[in-house]
Amino acid sequence: MDPVSLIGYAASFCSVISFIPQAMKVARTKDTAAISIRMYLLTVTGFTLWTIFGLMKGEIPIILANSICFCLSTFILAAKLRGRRK
């Protein structure tokens, strides 16, 4: 694997790992009081656009990282929105 791809996969790994603790905490505690809806709406939108960009460019590290982060951030946003309705 070439150095550019290694950097891409390392960046993907870091991006995904950064969302896991927050998603686990929300799943475990259901506490979303400190989470900003606007920030997560923007985050989900960004991950959607990055995934589309990765698909258009055929860049696997971009597709993998952003589609997984999209799922994790959507889970957190959905939990926040559910908690807000209660």
C-alpha atoms as a PDB file:
ATOM      1  CA  MET A   1       0.000   0.000   0.000  1.00  0.00           C
ATOM      2  CA  ASP A   2       1.349   3.424  -0.928  1.00  0.00           C
ATOM      3  CA  PRO A   3       1.997   6.145   1.718  1.00  0.00           C
ATOM      4  CA  VAL A   4      -0.908   8.312   0.526  1.00  0.00           C
ATOM      5  CA  SER A   5      -3.372   5.451   1.014  1.00  0.00           C
ATOM      6  CA  LEU A   6      -1.906   4.700   4.439  1.00  0.00           C
ATOM      7  CA  ILE A   7      -2.481   8.292   5.481  1.00  0.00           C
ATOM      8  CA  GLY A   8      -6.047   8.101   4.158  1.00  0.00           C
ATOM      9  CA  TYR A   9      -6.818   4.937   6.076  1.00  0.00           C
ATOM     10  CA  ALA A  10      -5.181   6.319   9.243  1.00  0.00           C
ATOM     11  CA  ALA A  11      -7.294   9.476   8.962  1.00  0.00           C
ATOM     12  CA  SER A  12     -10.404   7.330   8.421  1.00  0.00           C
ATOM     13  CA  PHE A  13      -9.600   5.276  11.506  1.00  0.00           C
ATOM     14  CA  CYS A  14      -9.144   8.406  13.635  1.00  0.00           C
ATOM     15  CA  SER A  15     -12.397   9.940  12.390  1.00  0.00           C
ATOM     16  CA  VAL A  16     -14.425   6.831  13.146  1.00  0.00           C
ATOM     17  CA  ILE A  17     -12.823   6.221  16.540  1.00  0.00           C
ATOM     18  CA  SER A  18     -13.531   9.818  17.590  1.00  0.00           C
ATOM     19  CA  PHE A  19     -17.311   9.285  17.378  1.00  0.00           C
ATOM     20  CA  ILE A  20     -17.514   5.904  19.094  1.00  0.00           C
ATOM     21  CA  PRO A  21     -17.213   7.128  22.729  1.00  0.00           C
ATOM     22  CA  GLN A  22     -20.000   9.692  22.252  1.00  0.00           C
ATOM     23  CA  ALA A  23     -22.291   7.178  20.553  1.00  0.00           C
ATOM     24  CA  MET A  24     -21.622   4.605  23.280  1.00  0.00           C
ATOM     25  CA  LYS A  25     -22.332   7.156  26.020  1.00  0.00           C
ATOM     26  CA  VAL A  26     -25.603   8.203  24.397  1.00  0.00           C
ATOM     27  CA  ALA A  27     -26.624   4.548  23.932  1.00  0.00           C
ATOM     28  CA  ARG A  28     -25.750   3.722  27.536  1.00  0.00           C
ATOM     29  CA  THR A  29     -27.076   6.796  29.372  1.00  0.00           C
ATOM     30  CA  LYS A  30     -29.616   8.269  26.933  1.00  0.00           C
ATOM     31  CA  ASP A  31     -28.231  11.642  28.060  1.00  0.00           C
ATOM     32  CA  THR A  32     -28.081  14.124  25.198  1.00  0.00           C
ATOM     33  CA  ALA A  33     -28.522  17.353  27.159  1.00  0.00           C
ATOM     34  CA  ALA A  34     -25.079  18.710  26.261  1.00  0.00           C
ATOM     35  CA  ILE A  35     -25.376  17.878  22.561  1.00  0.00           C
ATOM     36  CA  SER A  36     -26.112  20.648  20.070  1.00  0.00           C
ATOM     37  CA  ILE A  37     -28.787  19.795  17.504  1.00  0.00           C
ATOM     38  CA  ARG A  38     -27.446  22.408  15.075  1.00  0.00           C
ATOM     39  CA  MET A  39     -23.922  21.056  15.302  1.00  0.00           C
ATOM     40  CA  TYR A  40     -25.053  17.476  14.680  1.00  0.00           C
ATOM     41  CA  LEU A  41     -27.300  18.545  11.783  1.00  0.00           C
ATOM     42  CA  LEU A  42     -24.277  20.207  10.221  1.00  0.00           C
ATOM     43  CA  THR A  43     -22.082  17.194  11.025  1.00  0.00           C
ATOM     44  CA  VAL A  44     -24.527  14.717   9.444  1.00  0.00           C
ATOM     45  CA  THR A  45     -24.785  16.958   6.377  1.00  0.00           C
ATOM     46  CA  GLY A  46     -21.004  17.163   6.128  1.00  0.00           C
ATOM     47  CA  PHE A  47     -20.572  13.395   6.381  1.00  0.00           C
ATOM     48  CA  THR A  48     -23.255  12.926   3.731  1.00  0.00           C
ATOM     49  CA  LEU A  49     -21.455  15.280   1.359  1.00  0.00           C
ATOM     50  CA  TRP A  50     -18.045  13.725   2.069  1.00  0.00           C
ATOM     51  CA  THR A  51     -19.476  10.258   1.381  1.00  0.00           C
ATOM     52  CA  ILE A  52     -20.954  11.435  -1.925  1.00  0.00           C
ATOM     53  CA  PHE A  53     -17.620  13.085  -2.785  1.00  0.00           C
ATOM     54  CA  GLY A  54     -15.763   9.856  -1.957  1.00  0.00           C
ATOM     55  CA  LEU A  55     -18.142   7.844  -4.115  1.00  0.00           C
ATOM     56  CA  MET A  56     -17.730  10.252  -7.016  1.00  0.00           C
ATOM     57  CA  LYS A  57     -13.925  10.143  -6.705  1.00  0.00           C
ATOM     58  CA  GLY A  58     -13.773   6.403  -5.971  1.00  0.00           C
ATOM     59  CA  GLU A  59     -11.772   7.010  -2.769  1.00  0.00           C
ATOM     60  CA  ILE A  60     -12.352   4.074  -0.410  1.00  0.00           C
ATOM     61  CA  PRO A  61     -10.876   5.699   2.755  1.00  0.00           C
ATOM     62  CA  ILE A  62     -13.156   8.717   2.331  1.00  0.00           C
ATOM     63  CA  ILE A  63     -16.193   6.532   1.661  1.00  0.00           C
ATOM     64  CA  LEU A  64     -15.541   4.227   4.620  1.00  0.00           C
ATOM     65  CA  ALA A  65     -14.787   6.867   7.220  1.00  0.00           C
ATOM     66  CA  ASN A  66     -17.555   9.225   6.291  1.00  0.00           C
ATOM     67  CA  SER A  67     -20.283   6.630   5.837  1.00  0.00           C
ATOM     68  CA  ILE A  68     -19.487   5.112   9.255  1.00  0.00           C
ATOM     69  CA  CYS A  69     -19.263   8.553  10.885  1.00  0.00           C
ATOM     70  CA  PHE A  70     -22.552   9.446   9.172  1.00  0.00           C
ATOM     71  CA  CYS A  71     -24.215   6.444  10.832  1.00  0.00           C
ATOM     72  CA  LEU A  72     -22.749   7.228  14.260  1.00  0.00           C
ATOM     73  CA  SER A  73     -23.604  10.923  14.129  1.00  0.00           C
ATOM     74  CA  THR A  74     -27.109  10.175  12.809  1.00  0.00           C
ATOM     75  CA  PHE A  75     -27.643   7.823  15.759  1.00  0.00           C
ATOM     76  CA  ILE A  76     -26.576  10.582  18.175  1.00  0.00           C
ATOM     77  CA  LEU A  77     -28.752  13.185  16.423  1.00  0.00           C
ATOM     78  CA  ALA A  78     -31.762  10.854  16.432  1.00  0.00           C
ATOM     79  CA  ALA A  79     -31.303  10.217  20.163  1.00  0.00           C
ATOM     80  CA  LYS A  80     -31.147  13.966  20.758  1.00  0.00           C
ATOM     81  CA  LEU A  81     -34.308  14.552  18.731  1.00  0.00           C
ATOM     82  CA  ARG A  82     -36.142  11.700  20.497  1.00  0.00           C
ATOM     83  CA  GLY A  83     -35.142  13.104  23.882  1.00  0.00           C
ATOM     84  CA  ARG A  84     -36.371  16.533  22.881  1.00  0.00           C
ATOM     85  CA  ARG A  85     -39.870  15.225  22.088  1.00  0.00           C
ATOM     86  CA  LYS A  86     -40.285  13.753  25.569  1.00  0.00           C
END
